[in-house]
Amino acid sequence: MFLVYAESMVDMEGEFKDRDEMEASYAAFLKEFIQNPKQMVFIETDEKQWVSGLRAVESEPGKWFLERHRRKKDRLHYRKK
């Protein structure tokens, strides 16, 4: 998952003493996030590699807020045929 969010992680590095602390903090955040039944993380894969992630929050029954979308920097938003 960290590969998908690598760009965001670089922006946050200054807030932690090192990368290990940052990754542990983010892993704890994600674990807590997905334990809430009104919150989800969707992952897109390509050849068993994670290429994009989407966090979603149910703001009211049946209405979802797409909170955060990230993709690996080397991937396009679409595929050419």
Protein backbone atom coordinates (compact mmCIF):
# COMPACT_ATOMS: atom_id res chain seq x y z
CA MET A 1 0.00 0.00 0.00
CA PHE A 2 2.90 2.35 0.69
CA LEU A 3 3.89 2.24 -2.99
CA VAL A 4 0.48 3.59 -3.96
CA TYR A 5 0.68 6.37 -1.35
CA ALA A 6 4.41 7.09 -1.84
CA GLU A 7 3.83 10.63 -3.13
CA SER A 8 1.72 11.52 -0.08
CA MET A 9 4.24 9.89 2.21
CA VAL A 10 7.05 12.14 0.96
CA ASP A 11 4.94 15.18 1.89
CA MET A 12 4.50 13.82 5.44
CA GLU A 13 8.10 12.72 6.14
CA GLY A 14 8.97 15.86 8.09
CA GLU A 15 6.28 15.12 10.65
CA PHE A 16 7.99 11.89 11.82
CA LYS A 17 11.44 11.04 13.18
CA ASP A 18 12.01 8.49 10.39
CA ARG A 19 10.30 6.54 7.62
CA ASP A 20 9.68 3.50 9.83
CA GLU A 21 7.73 5.62 12.31
CA MET A 22 5.74 7.18 9.45
CA GLU A 23 4.87 3.79 7.92
CA ALA A 24 3.88 2.36 11.32
CA SER A 25 1.65 5.38 11.95
CA TYR A 26 -0.01 5.05 8.54
CA ALA A 27 -0.49 1.30 8.98
CA ALA A 28 -2.18 1.95 12.36
CA PHE A 29 -4.40 4.61 10.73
CA LEU A 30 -5.48 2.22 7.95
CA LYS A 31 -6.17 -0.61 10.40
CA GLU A 32 -8.41 1.66 12.48
CA PHE A 33 -9.99 3.17 9.34
CA ILE A 34 -11.16 -0.15 7.90
CA GLN A 35 -12.49 -1.43 11.23
CA ASN A 36 -15.30 1.11 10.91
CA PRO A 37 -18.09 -0.45 8.80
CA LYS A 38 -18.82 2.97 7.27
CA GLN A 39 -15.31 3.28 5.86
CA MET A 40 -13.63 1.26 3.11
CA VAL A 41 -10.38 1.05 1.22
CA PHE A 42 -10.53 -0.18 -2.39
CA ILE A 43 -7.37 -1.38 -4.12
CA GLU A 44 -6.82 -1.79 -7.86
CA THR A 45 -4.24 -4.33 -8.95
CA ASP A 46 -2.44 -5.04 -12.19
CA GLU A 47 -0.58 -8.33 -12.47
CA LYS A 48 -0.76 -8.74 -8.66
CA GLN A 49 0.78 -5.29 -8.08
CA TRP A 50 -1.17 -2.60 -6.23
CA VAL A 51 -1.54 0.34 -8.62
CA SER A 52 -4.19 2.55 -7.02
CA GLY A 53 -6.10 2.99 -3.80
CA LEU A 54 -9.33 4.73 -2.90
CA ARG A 55 -10.62 5.55 0.57
CA ALA A 56 -14.37 5.95 0.93
CA VAL A 57 -16.54 7.08 3.85
CA GLU A 58 -20.30 6.54 4.10
CA SER A 59 -21.55 10.00 5.09
CA GLU A 60 -25.14 8.84 5.46
CA PRO A 61 -26.87 5.56 4.58
CA GLY A 62 -26.23 4.84 0.91
CA LYS A 63 -24.15 8.01 0.27
CA TRP A 64 -20.41 7.58 0.02
CA PHE A 65 -17.76 10.29 0.08
CA LEU A 66 -14.65 9.36 -1.89
CA GLU A 67 -12.08 10.69 0.50
CA ARG A 68 -8.78 9.93 -1.13
CA HIS A 69 -7.57 8.45 -4.40
CA ARG A 70 -3.93 7.71 -5.09
CA ARG A 71 -2.11 5.82 -7.80
CA LYS A 72 1.45 4.67 -8.23
CA LYS A 73 3.35 7.48 -9.89
CA ASP A 74 4.35 5.32 -12.86
CA ARG A 75 0.73 4.45 -13.77
CA LEU A 76 -1.67 6.35 -16.03
CA HIS A 77 -5.27 7.06 -15.06
CA TYR A 78 -6.37 5.04 -18.07
CA ARG A 79 -5.03 2.30 -20.27
CA LYS A 80 -4.35 2.63 -23.95
CA LYS A 81 -5.75 -0.20 -26.06
